[in-house]
Amino acid sequence: MIKYTVYLTDRELIADFVRAGTPYLPEPRPAATLLIQPGLANPALLVQIEALAAI
């Protein structure tokens, strides 16, 4: 993975996302962007992750 972008619907989800997701990230850590987006395409979702990888 080269880069990933995370869209969260609420700032209060940041700590939980970091705690849950960090152990699964490869070394070296990829570039990352985290954005707060009040609504996603599916209103039932709280998190959307977009990742870019190279083979």
C-alpha atoms as a PDB file:
ATOM      1  CA  MET A   1       0.000   0.000   0.000  1.00  0.00           C
ATOM      2  CA  ILE A   2       1.333   3.402  -0.987  1.00  0.00           C
ATOM      3  CA  LYS A   3      -1.350   5.729   0.373  1.00  0.00           C
ATOM      4  CA  TYR A   4      -4.745   5.602   1.981  1.00  0.00           C
ATOM      5  CA  THR A   5      -7.485   8.138   2.655  1.00  0.00           C
ATOM      6  CA  VAL A   6      -9.969   7.734   5.486  1.00  0.00           C
ATOM      7  CA  TYR A   7     -13.307   9.525   5.611  1.00  0.00           C
ATOM      8  CA  LEU A   8     -14.954   9.562   9.042  1.00  0.00           C
ATOM      9  CA  THR A   9     -18.398  10.987   9.702  1.00  0.00           C
ATOM     10  CA  ASP A  10     -17.537  12.248  13.208  1.00  0.00           C
ATOM     11  CA  ARG A  11     -14.359  13.554  14.896  1.00  0.00           C
ATOM     12  CA  GLU A  12     -15.116  11.394  17.915  1.00  0.00           C
ATOM     13  CA  LEU A  13     -14.380   8.293  15.799  1.00  0.00           C
ATOM     14  CA  ILE A  14     -10.713   9.206  15.230  1.00  0.00           C
ATOM     15  CA  ALA A  15      -9.266   7.550  18.344  1.00  0.00           C
ATOM     16  CA  ASP A  16     -11.252   4.341  17.787  1.00  0.00           C
ATOM     17  CA  PHE A  17     -10.226   4.214  14.128  1.00  0.00           C
ATOM     18  CA  VAL A  18      -6.526   4.693  14.933  1.00  0.00           C
ATOM     19  CA  ARG A  19      -6.650   2.075  17.710  1.00  0.00           C
ATOM     20  CA  ALA A  20      -8.444  -0.471  15.502  1.00  0.00           C
ATOM     21  CA  GLY A  21      -6.613   0.142  12.227  1.00  0.00           C
ATOM     22  CA  THR A  22      -2.991   0.846  13.115  1.00  0.00           C
ATOM     23  CA  PRO A  23      -1.982  -2.767  13.922  1.00  0.00           C
ATOM     24  CA  TYR A  24      -2.916  -3.803  10.354  1.00  0.00           C
ATOM     25  CA  LEU A  25      -0.836  -1.208   8.506  1.00  0.00           C
ATOM     26  CA  PRO A  26       2.326  -2.384   6.754  1.00  0.00           C
ATOM     27  CA  GLU A  27       5.842  -1.134   7.479  1.00  0.00           C
ATOM     28  CA  PRO A  28       6.980   1.310   6.335  1.00  0.00           C
ATOM     29  CA  ARG A  29       3.748   3.163   7.033  1.00  0.00           C
ATOM     30  CA  PRO A  30       2.020   4.466   3.903  1.00  0.00           C
ATOM     31  CA  ALA A  31       1.110   8.108   3.413  1.00  0.00           C
ATOM     32  CA  ALA A  32      -2.289   8.865   4.896  1.00  0.00           C
ATOM     33  CA  THR A  33      -5.023  11.481   4.844  1.00  0.00           C
ATOM     34  CA  LEU A  34      -7.902  11.616   7.307  1.00  0.00           C
ATOM     35  CA  LEU A  35     -10.950  13.739   6.541  1.00  0.00           C
ATOM     36  CA  ILE A  36     -14.136  14.438   8.472  1.00  0.00           C
ATOM     37  CA  GLN A  37     -17.064  14.100   6.074  1.00  0.00           C
ATOM     38  CA  PRO A  38     -20.494  14.670   7.654  1.00  0.00           C
ATOM     39  CA  GLY A  39     -22.220  12.296   5.241  1.00  0.00           C
ATOM     40  CA  LEU A  40     -21.124   9.402   3.047  1.00  0.00           C
ATOM     41  CA  ALA A  41     -22.896   7.977  -0.004  1.00  0.00           C
ATOM     42  CA  ASN A  42     -24.516   5.328   2.203  1.00  0.00           C
ATOM     43  CA  PRO A  43     -25.903   7.083   5.316  1.00  0.00           C
ATOM     44  CA  ALA A  44     -25.526   3.859   7.345  1.00  0.00           C
ATOM     45  CA  LEU A  45     -21.719   3.989   7.020  1.00  0.00           C
ATOM     46  CA  LEU A  46     -19.465   5.735   9.544  1.00  0.00           C
ATOM     47  CA  VAL A  47     -16.134   5.110   7.764  1.00  0.00           C
ATOM     48  CA  GLN A  48     -14.962   4.965   4.162  1.00  0.00           C
ATOM     49  CA  ILE A  49     -11.392   3.972   3.255  1.00  0.00           C
ATOM     50  CA  GLU A  50      -9.771   4.464  -0.121  1.00  0.00           C
ATOM     51  CA  ALA A  51      -6.375   2.829  -0.674  1.00  0.00           C
ATOM     52  CA  LEU A  52      -3.762   3.008  -3.422  1.00  0.00           C
ATOM     53  CA  ALA A  53      -1.435   0.051  -3.852  1.00  0.00           C
ATOM     54  CA  ALA A  54       1.312  -0.863  -6.292  1.00  0.00           C
ATOM     55  CA  ILE A  55       2.404  -4.282  -7.463  1.00  0.00           C
END
